[in-house]
Amino acid sequence: MIVASLVSLALAASGQVGVVEQNAQRIEVTGVGHERTIDCEGRDVVIAGTGHTLTFTGTCASLDLTGSGNQVTINLAPEARVSVAGSNQTVRWSSTGRVRPNVVGFNNRVTRRS
């Protein structure tokens, strides 16, 4: 319990609050202010929160992004589902094929990288 509290304090001091959980099928980022690069390895990506700056390397199976003010750079599998909800979200994606975007909210930008 003391170790978890110390980790929480360290993350709060660095501007990062919340968790990044990964398993064989999924990567989940929640909270505020995570700035990192994560290898996707074919997994689904779920992001919730505010102020994240995330780059995913490798190929991701899908993206589900909710919150505000997040910036995501991602490589997606062909026909991947991209769901973006909230406000002021920026997703820059690349793929060898088309993706299936569903974007709702205010001032969200989902654009293909060249």
PDB file of N, CA and C in Angstrom:
ATOM      1  N   MET A   1       0.827  -1.186   0.000  1.00  0.00           N
ATOM      2  CA  MET A   1       0.000   0.000   0.000  1.00  0.00           C
ATOM      3  C   MET A   1       0.875   1.254   0.000  1.00  0.00           C
ATOM      4  N   ILE A   2       1.935   1.264   0.798  1.00  0.00           N
ATOM      5  CA  ILE A   2       2.835   2.418   0.844  1.00  0.00           C
ATOM      6  C   ILE A   2       3.531   2.585  -0.500  1.00  0.00           C
ATOM      7  N   VAL A   3       3.963   1.463  -1.127  1.00  0.00           N
ATOM      8  CA  VAL A   3       4.621   1.541  -2.423  1.00  0.00           C
ATOM      9  C   VAL A   3       3.672   2.118  -3.465  1.00  0.00           C
ATOM     10  N   ALA A   4       2.408   1.670  -3.487  1.00  0.00           N
ATOM     11  CA  ALA A   4       1.428   2.198  -4.440  1.00  0.00           C
ATOM     12  C   ALA A   4       1.221   3.685  -4.234  1.00  0.00           C
ATOM     13  N   SER A   5       1.201   4.134  -2.990  1.00  0.00           N
ATOM     14  CA  SER A   5       1.042   5.558  -2.708  1.00  0.00           C
ATOM     15  C   SER A   5       2.244   6.348  -3.204  1.00  0.00           C
ATOM     16  N   LEU A   6       3.451   5.804  -3.029  1.00  0.00           N
ATOM     17  CA  LEU A   6       4.650   6.479  -3.511  1.00  0.00           C
ATOM     18  C   LEU A   6       4.671   6.559  -5.028  1.00  0.00           C
ATOM     19  N   VAL A   7       4.242   5.485  -5.696  1.00  0.00           N
ATOM     20  CA  VAL A   7       4.153   5.499  -7.152  1.00  0.00           C
ATOM     21  C   VAL A   7       3.148   6.544  -7.600  1.00  0.00           C
ATOM     22  N   SER A   8       1.994   6.619  -6.946  1.00  0.00           N
ATOM     23  CA  SER A   8       0.987   7.628  -7.288  1.00  0.00           C
ATOM     24  C   SER A   8       1.524   9.038  -7.115  1.00  0.00           C
ATOM     25  N   LEU A   9       2.263   9.276  -6.036  1.00  0.00           N
ATOM     26  CA  LEU A   9       2.852  10.597  -5.820  1.00  0.00           C
ATOM     27  C   LEU A   9       3.880  10.927  -6.895  1.00  0.00           C
ATOM     28  N   ALA A  10       4.701   9.966  -7.270  1.00  0.00           N
ATOM     29  CA  ALA A  10       5.700  10.192  -8.308  1.00  0.00           C
ATOM     30  C   ALA A  10       5.042  10.502  -9.642  1.00  0.00           C
ATOM     31  N   LEU A  11       3.990   9.761  -9.983  1.00  0.00           N
ATOM     32  CA  LEU A  11       3.283  10.025 -11.233  1.00  0.00           C
ATOM     33  C   LEU A  11       2.618  11.388 -11.221  1.00  0.00           C
ATOM     34  N   ALA A  12       2.007  11.754 -10.105  1.00  0.00           N
ATOM     35  CA  ALA A  12       1.349  13.058 -10.006  1.00  0.00           C
ATOM     36  C   ALA A  12       2.369  14.177 -10.156  1.00  0.00           C
ATOM     37  N   ALA A  13       3.540  14.008  -9.569  1.00  0.00           N
ATOM     38  CA  ALA A  13       4.582  15.036  -9.670  1.00  0.00           C
ATOM     39  C   ALA A  13       5.072  15.180 -11.101  1.00  0.00           C
ATOM     40  N   SER A  14       5.064  14.079 -11.867  1.00  0.00           N
ATOM     41  CA  SER A  14       5.530  14.138 -13.249  1.00  0.00           C
ATOM     42  C   SER A  14       4.419  14.576 -14.198  1.00  0.00           C
ATOM     43  N   GLY A  15       3.217  14.792 -13.697  1.00  0.00           N
ATOM     44  CA  GLY A  15       2.098  15.195 -14.539  1.00  0.00           C
ATOM     45  C   GLY A  15       1.306  14.024 -15.073  1.00  0.00           C
ATOM     46  N   GLN A  16       1.735  12.800 -14.759  1.00  0.00           N
ATOM     47  CA  GLN A  16       1.035  11.604 -15.208  1.00  0.00           C
ATOM     48  C   GLN A  16       0.225  11.033 -14.062  1.00  0.00           C
ATOM     49  N   VAL A  17      -1.050  10.859 -14.320  1.00  0.00           N
ATOM     50  CA  VAL A  17      -1.925  10.243 -13.324  1.00  0.00           C
ATOM     51  C   VAL A  17      -2.725   9.175 -14.048  1.00  0.00           C
ATOM     52  N   GLY A  18      -2.900   8.031 -13.427  1.00  0.00           N
ATOM     53  CA  GLY A  18      -3.647   6.952 -14.051  1.00  0.00           C
ATOM     54  C   GLY A  18      -2.734   5.788 -14.344  1.00  0.00           C
ATOM     55  N   VAL A  19      -3.220   4.865 -15.168  1.00  0.00           N
ATOM     56  CA  VAL A  19      -2.477   3.637 -15.413  1.00  0.00           C
ATOM     57  C   VAL A  19      -2.319   3.356 -16.904  1.00  0.00           C
ATOM     58  N   VAL A  20      -1.303   2.555 -17.192  1.00  0.00           N
ATOM     59  CA  VAL A  20      -1.119   1.969 -18.515  1.00  0.00           C
ATOM     60  C   VAL A  20      -1.063   0.468 -18.284  1.00  0.00           C
ATOM     61  N   GLU A  21      -2.083  -0.222 -18.763  1.00  0.00           N
ATOM     62  CA  GLU A  21      -2.153  -1.671 -18.589  1.00  0.00           C
ATOM     63  C   GLU A  21      -2.046  -2.342 -19.950  1.00  0.00           C
ATOM     64  N   GLN A  22      -1.282  -3.431 -19.983  1.00  0.00           N
ATOM     65  CA  GLN A  22      -1.084  -4.152 -21.231  1.00  0.00           C
ATOM     66  C   GLN A  22      -1.232  -5.640 -20.985  1.00  0.00           C
ATOM     67  N   ASN A  23      -1.904  -6.322 -21.922  1.00  0.00           N
ATOM     68  CA  ASN A  23      -1.918  -7.773 -21.930  1.00  0.00           C
ATOM     69  C   ASN A  23      -1.775  -8.221 -23.383  1.00  0.00           C
ATOM     70  N   ALA A  24      -1.950  -9.478 -23.655  1.00  0.00           N
ATOM     71  CA  ALA A  24      -1.716 -10.006 -25.000  1.00  0.00           C
ATOM     72  C   ALA A  24      -2.686  -9.456 -26.046  1.00  0.00           C
ATOM     73  N   GLN A  25      -3.884  -9.030 -25.631  1.00  0.00           N
ATOM     74  CA  GLN A  25      -4.893  -8.564 -26.581  1.00  0.00           C
ATOM     75  C   GLN A  25      -5.089  -7.058 -26.592  1.00  0.00           C
ATOM     76  N   ARG A  26      -4.692  -6.364 -25.520  1.00  0.00           N
ATOM     77  CA  ARG A  26      -5.131  -4.981 -25.380  1.00  0.00           C
ATOM     78  C   ARG A  26      -4.114  -4.115 -24.629  1.00  0.00           C
ATOM     79  N   ILE A  27      -4.086  -2.849 -25.018  1.00  0.00           N
ATOM     80  CA  ILE A  27      -3.335  -1.816 -24.302  1.00  0.00           C
ATOM     81  C   ILE A  27      -4.356  -0.796 -23.836  1.00  0.00           C
ATOM     82  N   GLU A  28      -4.362  -0.474 -22.553  1.00  0.00           N
ATOM     83  CA  GLU A  28      -5.309   0.492 -22.015  1.00  0.00           C
ATOM     84  C   GLU A  28      -4.561   1.589 -21.273  1.00  0.00           C
ATOM     85  N   VAL A  29      -4.824   2.844 -21.670  1.00  0.00           N
ATOM     86  CA  VAL A  29      -4.216   4.005 -21.035  1.00  0.00           C
ATOM     87  C   VAL A  29      -5.335   4.857 -20.462  1.00  0.00           C
ATOM     88  N   THR A  30      -5.272   5.155 -19.168  1.00  0.00           N
ATOM     89  CA  THR A  30      -6.295   5.992 -18.543  1.00  0.00           C
ATOM     90  C   THR A  30      -5.621   7.061 -17.693  1.00  0.00           C
ATOM     91  N   GLY A  31      -6.367   8.125 -17.435  1.00  0.00           N
ATOM     92  CA  GLY A  31      -5.857   9.163 -16.549  1.00  0.00           C
ATOM     93  C   GLY A  31      -5.551  10.453 -17.270  1.00  0.00           C
ATOM     94  N   VAL A  32      -4.430  11.075 -16.851  1.00  0.00           N
ATOM     95  CA  VAL A  32      -4.054  12.393 -17.350  1.00  0.00           C
ATOM     96  C   VAL A  32      -2.560  12.436 -17.642  1.00  0.00           C
ATOM     97  N   GLY A  33      -2.212  12.973 -18.806  1.00  0.00           N
ATOM     98  CA  GLY A  33      -0.850  13.383 -19.081  1.00  0.00           C
ATOM     99  C   GLY A  33       0.199  12.343 -19.366  1.00  0.00           C
ATOM    100  N   HIS A  34      -0.167  11.148 -19.799  1.00  0.00           N
ATOM    101  CA  HIS A  34       0.859  10.171 -20.152  1.00  0.00           C
ATOM    102  C   HIS A  34       1.545  10.583 -21.444  1.00  0.00           C
ATOM    103  N   GLU A  35       2.863  10.542 -21.455  1.00  0.00           N
ATOM    104  CA  GLU A  35       3.659  10.821 -22.651  1.00  0.00           C
ATOM    105  C   GLU A  35       4.602   9.650 -22.831  1.00  0.00           C
ATOM    106  N   ARG A  36       4.327   8.826 -23.847  1.00  0.00           N
ATOM    107  CA  ARG A  36       5.183   7.666 -24.058  1.00  0.00           C
ATOM    108  C   ARG A  36       4.979   7.053 -25.425  1.00  0.00           C
ATOM    109  N   THR A  37       5.892   6.144 -25.757  1.00  0.00           N
ATOM    110  CA  THR A  37       5.826   5.341 -26.969  1.00  0.00           C
ATOM    111  C   THR A  37       5.619   3.899 -26.541  1.00  0.00           C
ATOM    112  N   ILE A  38       4.667   3.223 -27.187  1.00  0.00           N
ATOM    113  CA  ILE A  38       4.305   1.852 -26.810  1.00  0.00           C
ATOM    114  C   ILE A  38       4.275   0.991 -28.068  1.00  0.00           C
ATOM    115  N   ASP A  39       4.868  -0.204 -27.999  1.00  0.00           N
ATOM    116  CA  ASP A  39       4.820  -1.151 -29.111  1.00  0.00           C
ATOM    117  C   ASP A  39       3.478  -1.867 -29.091  1.00  0.00           C
ATOM    118  N   CYS A  40       2.758  -1.781 -30.191  1.00  0.00           N
ATOM    119  CA  CYS A  40       1.391  -2.307 -30.241  1.00  0.00           C
ATOM    120  C   CYS A  40       1.320  -3.825 -30.373  1.00  0.00           C
ATOM    121  N   GLU A  41       2.170  -4.408 -31.191  1.00  0.00           N
ATOM    122  CA  GLU A  41       2.214  -5.858 -31.372  1.00  0.00           C
ATOM    123  C   GLU A  41       0.854  -6.464 -31.727  1.00  0.00           C
ATOM    124  N   GLY A  42       0.058  -5.765 -32.575  1.00  0.00           N
ATOM    125  CA  GLY A  42      -1.221  -6.289 -33.049  1.00  0.00           C
ATOM    126  C   GLY A  42      -2.380  -6.176 -32.082  1.00  0.00           C
ATOM    127  N   ARG A  43      -2.215  -5.455 -30.992  1.00  0.00           N
ATOM    128  CA  ARG A  43      -3.254  -5.361 -29.967  1.00  0.00           C
ATOM    129  C   ARG A  43      -4.240  -4.215 -30.227  1.00  0.00           C
ATOM    130  N   ASP A  44      -5.407  -4.303 -29.579  1.00  0.00           N
ATOM    131  CA  ASP A  44      -6.374  -3.210 -29.555  1.00  0.00           C
ATOM    132  C   ASP A  44      -5.858  -2.152 -28.591  1.00  0.00           C
ATOM    133  N   VAL A  45      -6.159  -0.873 -28.879  1.00  0.00           N
ATOM    134  CA  VAL A  45      -5.740   0.232 -28.026  1.00  0.00           C
ATOM    135  C   VAL A  45      -6.983   0.959 -27.515  1.00  0.00           C
ATOM    136  N   VAL A  46      -7.051   1.137 -26.197  1.00  0.00           N
ATOM    137  CA  VAL A  46      -8.139   1.868 -25.564  1.00  0.00           C
ATOM    138  C   VAL A  46      -7.509   2.984 -24.734  1.00  0.00           C
ATOM    139  N   ILE A  47      -7.906   4.229 -25.029  1.00  0.00           N
ATOM    140  CA  ILE A  47      -7.361   5.394 -24.334  1.00  0.00           C
ATOM    141  C   ILE A  47      -8.514   6.213 -23.792  1.00  0.00           C
ATOM    142  N   ALA A  48      -8.431   6.569 -22.510  1.00  0.00           N
ATOM    143  CA  ALA A  48      -9.439   7.427 -21.888  1.00  0.00           C
ATOM    144  C   ALA A  48      -8.703   8.433 -21.015  1.00  0.00           C
ATOM    145  N   GLY A  49      -9.144   9.679 -21.078  1.00  0.00           N
ATOM    146  CA  GLY A  49      -8.521  10.674 -20.216  1.00  0.00           C
ATOM    147  C   GLY A  49      -8.247  11.965 -20.936  1.00  0.00           C
ATOM    148  N   THR A  50      -7.279  12.697 -20.404  1.00  0.00           N
ATOM    149  CA  THR A  50      -6.993  14.046 -20.876  1.00  0.00           C
ATOM    150  C   THR A  50      -5.494  14.277 -20.996  1.00  0.00           C
ATOM    151  N   GLY A  51      -5.097  14.952 -22.058  1.00  0.00           N
ATOM    152  CA  GLY A  51      -3.734  15.439 -22.180  1.00  0.00           C
ATOM    153  C   GLY A  51      -2.662  14.393 -22.419  1.00  0.00           C
ATOM    154  N   HIS A  52      -3.032  13.236 -22.965  1.00  0.00           N
ATOM    155  CA  HIS A  52      -2.026  12.229 -23.290  1.00  0.00           C
ATOM    156  C   HIS A  52      -1.356  12.578 -24.613  1.00  0.00           C
ATOM    157  N   THR A  53      -0.066  12.265 -24.720  1.00  0.00           N
ATOM    158  CA  THR A  53       0.658  12.321 -25.981  1.00  0.00           C
ATOM    159  C   THR A  53       1.265  10.944 -26.164  1.00  0.00           C
ATOM    160  N   LEU A  54       0.676  10.151 -27.063  1.00  0.00           N
ATOM    161  CA  LEU A  54       1.039   8.746 -27.190  1.00  0.00           C
ATOM    162  C   LEU A  54       1.394   8.405 -28.628  1.00  0.00           C
ATOM    163  N   THR A  55       2.456   7.627 -28.779  1.00  0.00           N
ATOM    164  CA  THR A  55       2.862   7.114 -30.083  1.00  0.00           C
ATOM    165  C   THR A  55       2.888   5.601 -29.987  1.00  0.00           C
ATOM    166  N   PHE A  56       2.246   4.947 -30.941  1.00  0.00           N
ATOM    167  CA  PHE A  56       2.214   3.497 -30.976  1.00  0.00           C
ATOM    168  C   PHE A  56       3.020   3.017 -32.170  1.00  0.00           C
ATOM    169  N   THR A  57       3.991   2.156 -31.914  1.00  0.00           N
ATOM    170  CA  THR A  57       4.804   1.581 -32.971  1.00  0.00           C
ATOM    171  C   THR A  57       4.271   0.196 -33.298  1.00  0.00           C
ATOM    172  N   GLY A  58       4.729  -0.362 -34.396  1.00  0.00           N
ATOM    173  CA  GLY A  58       4.171  -1.631 -34.837  1.00  0.00           C
ATOM    174  C   GLY A  58       2.787  -1.387 -35.399  1.00  0.00           C
ATOM    175  N   THR A  59       1.996  -2.426 -35.508  1.00  0.00           N
ATOM    176  CA  THR A  59       0.644  -2.299 -36.055  1.00  0.00           C
ATOM    177  C   THR A  59      -0.378  -2.611 -34.976  1.00  0.00           C
ATOM    178  N   CYS A  60      -1.362  -1.723 -34.835  1.00  0.00           N
ATOM    179  CA  CYS A  60      -2.423  -1.883 -33.839  1.00  0.00           C
ATOM    180  C   CYS A  60      -3.685  -2.411 -34.524  1.00  0.00           C
ATOM    181  N   ALA A  61      -4.458  -3.202 -33.793  1.00  0.00           N
ATOM    182  CA  ALA A  61      -5.680  -3.793 -34.349  1.00  0.00           C
ATOM    183  C   ALA A  61      -6.822  -2.794 -34.422  1.00  0.00           C
ATOM    184  N   SER A  62      -6.917  -1.876 -33.428  1.00  0.00           N
ATOM    185  CA  SER A  62      -8.000  -0.888 -33.402  1.00  0.00           C
ATOM    186  C   SER A  62      -7.635   0.216 -32.416  1.00  0.00           C
ATOM    187  N   LEU A  63      -8.417   1.308 -32.463  1.00  0.00           N
ATOM    188  CA  LEU A  63      -8.232   2.425 -31.536  1.00  0.00           C
ATOM    189  C   LEU A  63      -9.589   2.886 -31.035  1.00  0.00           C
ATOM    190  N   ASP A  64      -9.711   3.008 -29.723  1.00  0.00           N
ATOM    191  CA  ASP A  64     -10.901   3.554 -29.071  1.00  0.00           C
ATOM    192  C   ASP A  64     -10.416   4.673 -28.152  1.00  0.00           C
ATOM    193  N   LEU A  65     -10.698   5.924 -28.517  1.00  0.00           N
ATOM    194  CA  LEU A  65     -10.180   7.097 -27.813  1.00  0.00           C
ATOM    195  C   LEU A  65     -11.329   7.950 -27.293  1.00  0.00           C
ATOM    196  N   THR A  66     -11.347   8.201 -25.984  1.00  0.00           N
ATOM    197  CA  THR A  66     -12.340   9.093 -25.396  1.00  0.00           C
ATOM    198  C   THR A  66     -11.631  10.066 -24.463  1.00  0.00           C
ATOM    199  N   GLY A  67     -12.177  11.263 -24.367  1.00  0.00           N
ATOM    200  CA  GLY A  67     -11.595  12.251 -23.466  1.00  0.00           C
ATOM    201  C   GLY A  67     -11.457  13.595 -24.125  1.00  0.00           C
ATOM    202  N   SER A  68     -10.366  14.292 -23.767  1.00  0.00           N
ATOM    203  CA  SER A  68     -10.154  15.639 -24.273  1.00  0.00           C
ATOM    204  C   SER A  68      -8.659  15.940 -24.369  1.00  0.00           C
ATOM    205  N   GLY A  69      -8.285  16.591 -25.460  1.00  0.00           N
ATOM    206  CA  GLY A  69      -6.925  17.082 -25.599  1.00  0.00           C
ATOM    207  C   GLY A  69      -5.853  16.030 -25.731  1.00  0.00           C
ATOM    208  N   ASN A  70      -6.181  14.862 -26.253  1.00  0.00           N
ATOM    209  CA  ASN A  70      -5.195  13.806 -26.443  1.00  0.00           C
ATOM    210  C   ASN A  70      -4.602  13.873 -27.834  1.00  0.00           C
ATOM    211  N   GLN A  71      -3.334  13.484 -27.944  1.00  0.00           N
ATOM    212  CA  GLN A  71      -2.650  13.413 -29.231  1.00  0.00           C
ATOM    213  C   GLN A  71      -2.102  12.008 -29.401  1.00  0.00           C
ATOM    214  N   VAL A  72      -2.554  11.335 -30.481  1.00  0.00           N
ATOM    215  CA  VAL A  72      -2.183   9.947 -30.708  1.00  0.00           C
ATOM    216  C   VAL A  72      -1.624   9.803 -32.124  1.00  0.00           C
ATOM    217  N   THR A  73      -0.479   9.144 -32.219  1.00  0.00           N
ATOM    218  CA  THR A  73       0.104   8.766 -33.508  1.00  0.00           C
ATOM    219  C   THR A  73       0.130   7.249 -33.518  1.00  0.00           C
ATOM    220  N   ILE A  74      -0.458   6.648 -34.570  1.00  0.00           N
ATOM    221  CA  ILE A  74      -0.680   5.199 -34.544  1.00  0.00           C
ATOM    222  C   ILE A  74      -0.632   4.612 -35.945  1.00  0.00           C
ATOM    223  N   ASN A  75      -0.121   3.387 -36.051  1.00  0.00           N
ATOM    224  CA  ASN A  75      -0.175   2.609 -37.276  1.00  0.00           C
ATOM    225  C   ASN A  75      -1.240   1.542 -37.074  1.00  0.00           C
ATOM    226  N   LEU A  76      -2.197   1.484 -38.006  1.00  0.00           N
ATOM    227  CA  LEU A  76      -3.350   0.590 -37.850  1.00  0.00           C
ATOM    228  C   LEU A  76      -3.380  -0.494 -38.922  1.00  0.00           C
ATOM    229  N   ALA A  77      -3.918  -1.641 -38.551  1.00  0.00           N
ATOM    230  CA  ALA A  77      -4.131  -2.724 -39.499  1.00  0.00           C
ATOM    231  C   ALA A  77      -5.188  -2.293 -40.516  1.00  0.00           C
ATOM    232  N   PRO A  78      -5.143  -2.818 -41.738  1.00  0.00           N
ATOM    233  CA  PRO A  78      -6.196  -2.516 -42.713  1.00  0.00           C
ATOM    234  C   PRO A  78      -7.567  -2.881 -42.149  1.00  0.00           C
ATOM    235  N   GLU A  79      -8.540  -2.025 -42.415  1.00  0.00           N
ATOM    236  CA  GLU A  79      -9.929  -2.182 -41.952  1.00  0.00           C
ATOM    237  C   GLU A  79     -10.084  -2.052 -40.441  1.00  0.00           C
ATOM    238  N   ALA A  80      -9.098  -1.477 -39.767  1.00  0.00           N
ATOM    239  CA  ALA A  80      -9.181  -1.283 -38.317  1.00  0.00           C
ATOM    240  C   ALA A  80     -10.300  -0.309 -37.972  1.00  0.00           C
ATOM    241  N   ARG A  81     -10.927  -0.540 -36.834  1.00  0.00           N
ATOM    242  CA  ARG A  81     -11.955   0.353 -36.314  1.00  0.00           C
ATOM    243  C   ARG A  81     -11.258   1.465 -35.529  1.00  0.00           C
ATOM    244  N   VAL A  82     -11.656   2.719 -35.822  1.00  0.00           N
ATOM    245  CA  VAL A  82     -11.133   3.886 -35.109  1.00  0.00           C
ATOM    246  C   VAL A  82     -12.327   4.638 -34.541  1.00  0.00           C
ATOM    247  N   SER A  83     -12.439   4.668 -33.224  1.00  0.00           N
ATOM    248  CA  SER A  83     -13.539   5.349 -32.561  1.00  0.00           C
ATOM    249  C   SER A  83     -12.960   6.500 -31.732  1.00  0.00           C
ATOM    250  N   VAL A  84     -13.420   7.716 -32.019  1.00  0.00           N
ATOM    251  CA  VAL A  84     -12.930   8.895 -31.313  1.00  0.00           C
ATOM    252  C   VAL A  84     -14.132   9.687 -30.806  1.00  0.00           C
ATOM    253  N   ALA A  85     -14.145   9.966 -29.499  1.00  0.00           N
ATOM    254  CA  ALA A  85     -15.231  10.727 -28.885  1.00  0.00           C
ATOM    255  C   ALA A  85     -14.631  11.708 -27.894  1.00  0.00           C
ATOM    256  N   GLY A  86     -15.299  12.844 -27.755  1.00  0.00           N
ATOM    257  CA  GLY A  86     -14.816  13.859 -26.824  1.00  0.00           C
ATOM    258  C   GLY A  86     -14.546  15.157 -27.544  1.00  0.00           C
ATOM    259  N   SER A  87     -13.502  15.870 -27.102  1.00  0.00           N
ATOM    260  CA  SER A  87     -13.195  17.147 -27.732  1.00  0.00           C
ATOM    261  C   SER A  87     -11.692  17.350 -27.844  1.00  0.00           C
ATOM    262  N   ASN A  88     -11.330  18.074 -28.887  1.00  0.00           N
ATOM    263  CA  ASN A  88      -9.938  18.463 -29.123  1.00  0.00           C
ATOM    264  C   ASN A  88      -8.970  17.284 -29.151  1.00  0.00           C
ATOM    265  N   GLN A  89      -9.414  16.197 -29.768  1.00  0.00           N
ATOM    266  CA  GLN A  89      -8.569  15.007 -29.920  1.00  0.00           C
ATOM    267  C   GLN A  89      -7.874  15.076 -31.278  1.00  0.00           C
ATOM    268  N   THR A  90      -6.618  14.645 -31.321  1.00  0.00           N
ATOM    269  CA  THR A  90      -5.882  14.573 -32.577  1.00  0.00           C
ATOM    270  C   THR A  90      -5.354  13.158 -32.751  1.00  0.00           C
ATOM    271  N   VAL A  91      -5.760  12.526 -33.842  1.00  0.00           N
ATOM    272  CA  VAL A  91      -5.250  11.200 -34.180  1.00  0.00           C
ATOM    273  C   VAL A  91      -4.605  11.296 -35.551  1.00  0.00           C
ATOM    274  N   ARG A  92      -3.340  10.912 -35.607  1.00  0.00           N
ATOM    275  CA  ARG A  92      -2.616  10.814 -36.877  1.00  0.00           C
ATOM    276  C   ARG A  92      -2.340   9.333 -37.084  1.00  0.00           C
ATOM    277  N   TRP A  93      -2.895   8.787 -38.166  1.00  0.00           N
ATOM    278  CA  TRP A  93      -2.782   7.356 -38.378  1.00  0.00           C
ATOM    279  C   TRP A  93      -2.149   7.033 -39.721  1.00  0.00           C
ATOM    280  N   SER A  94      -1.582   5.844 -39.792  1.00  0.00           N
ATOM    281  CA  SER A  94      -1.113   5.303 -41.059  1.00  0.00           C
ATOM    282  C   SER A  94      -1.576   3.855 -41.125  1.00  0.00           C
ATOM    283  N   SER A  95      -1.678   3.334 -42.350  1.00  0.00           N
ATOM    284  CA  SER A  95      -2.109   1.960 -42.561  1.00  0.00           C
ATOM    285  C   SER A  95      -1.791   1.577 -43.997  1.00  0.00           C
ATOM    286  N   THR A  96      -1.685   0.289 -44.242  1.00  0.00           N
ATOM    287  CA  THR A  96      -1.494  -0.175 -45.611  1.00  0.00           C
ATOM    288  C   THR A  96      -2.830  -0.288 -46.340  1.00  0.00           C
ATOM    289  N   GLY A  97      -3.921  -0.011 -45.638  1.00  0.00           N
ATOM    290  CA  GLY A  97      -5.260  -0.060 -46.237  1.00  0.00           C
ATOM    291  C   GLY A  97      -6.140   1.025 -45.658  1.00  0.00           C
ATOM    292  N   ARG A  98      -7.433   0.854 -45.823  1.00  0.00           N
ATOM    293  CA  ARG A  98      -8.401   1.801 -45.263  1.00  0.00           C
ATOM    294  C   ARG A  98      -8.687   1.455 -43.819  1.00  0.00           C
ATOM    295  N   VAL A  99      -9.179   2.449 -43.068  1.00  0.00           N
ATOM    296  CA  VAL A  99      -9.650   2.205 -41.706  1.00  0.00           C
ATOM    297  C   VAL A  99     -11.121   2.618 -41.637  1.00  0.00           C
ATOM    298  N   ARG A 100     -11.792   2.223 -40.562  1.00  0.00           N
ATOM    299  CA  ARG A 100     -13.213   2.511 -40.391  1.00  0.00           C
ATOM    300  C   ARG A 100     -13.391   3.500 -39.241  1.00  0.00           C
ATOM    301  N   PRO A 101     -13.388   4.815 -39.552  1.00  0.00           N
ATOM    302  CA  PRO A 101     -13.488   5.810 -38.477  1.00  0.00           C
ATOM    303  C   PRO A 101     -14.926   6.090 -38.042  1.00  0.00           C
ATOM    304  N   ASN A 102     -15.090   6.347 -36.747  1.00  0.00           N
ATOM    305  CA  ASN A 102     -16.338   6.822 -36.174  1.00  0.00           C
ATOM    306  C   ASN A 102     -15.943   7.942 -35.211  1.00  0.00           C
ATOM    307  N   VAL A 103     -16.200   9.179 -35.616  1.00  0.00           N
ATOM    308  CA  VAL A 103     -15.744  10.341 -34.853  1.00  0.00           C
ATOM    309  C   VAL A 103     -16.943  11.163 -34.414  1.00  0.00           C
ATOM    310  N   VAL A 104     -17.061  11.390 -33.095  1.00  0.00           N
ATOM    311  CA  VAL A 104     -18.121  12.228 -32.540  1.00  0.00           C
ATOM    312  C   VAL A 104     -17.501  13.197 -31.546  1.00  0.00           C
ATOM    313  N   GLY A 105     -18.194  14.306 -31.342  1.00  0.00           N
ATOM    314  CA  GLY A 105     -17.693  15.294 -30.388  1.00  0.00           C
ATOM    315  C   GLY A 105     -17.360  16.597 -31.072  1.00  0.00           C
ATOM    316  N   PHE A 106     -16.510  17.385 -30.423  1.00  0.00           N
ATOM    317  CA  PHE A 106     -16.194  18.726 -30.884  1.00  0.00           C
ATOM    318  C   PHE A 106     -14.700  18.868 -31.167  1.00  0.00           C
ATOM    319  N   ASN A 107     -14.378  19.375 -32.355  1.00  0.00           N
ATOM    320  CA  ASN A 107     -13.010  19.723 -32.731  1.00  0.00           C
ATOM    321  C   ASN A 107     -12.053  18.534 -32.686  1.00  0.00           C
ATOM    322  N   ASN A 108     -12.526  17.378 -33.076  1.00  0.00           N
ATOM    323  CA  ASN A 108     -11.658  16.190 -33.167  1.00  0.00           C
ATOM    324  C   ASN A 108     -11.109  16.087 -34.585  1.00  0.00           C
ATOM    325  N   ARG A 109      -9.828  15.728 -34.690  1.00  0.00           N
ATOM    326  CA  ARG A 109      -9.173  15.597 -35.986  1.00  0.00           C
ATOM    327  C   ARG A 109      -8.568  14.207 -36.118  1.00  0.00           C
ATOM    328  N   VAL A 110      -8.984  13.496 -37.168  1.00  0.00           N
ATOM    329  CA  VAL A 110      -8.442  12.178 -37.464  1.00  0.00           C
ATOM    330  C   VAL A 110      -7.919  12.255 -38.893  1.00  0.00           C
ATOM    331  N   THR A 111      -6.594  12.198 -39.036  1.00  0.00           N
ATOM    332  CA  THR A 111      -5.991  12.385 -40.347  1.00  0.00           C
ATOM    333  C   THR A 111      -4.957  11.291 -40.638  1.00  0.00           C
ATOM    334  N   ARG A 112      -4.860  10.980 -41.912  1.00  0.00           N
ATOM    335  CA  ARG A 112      -3.882   9.972 -42.351  1.00  0.00           C
ATOM    336  C   ARG A 112      -2.512  10.625 -42.475  1.00  0.00           C
ATOM    337  N   ARG A 113      -1.502   9.953 -41.922  1.00  0.00           N
ATOM    338  CA  ARG A 113      -0.124  10.421 -42.080  1.00  0.00           C
ATOM    339  C   ARG A 113       0.390   9.966 -43.428  1.00  0.00           C
ATOM    340  N   SER A 114       1.247  10.773 -44.038  1.00  0.00           N
ATOM    341  CA  SER A 114       1.809  10.353 -45.325  1.00  0.00           C
ATOM    342  C   SER A 114       3.075   9.579 -45.135  1.00  0.00           C
TER     343      SER A 114
END
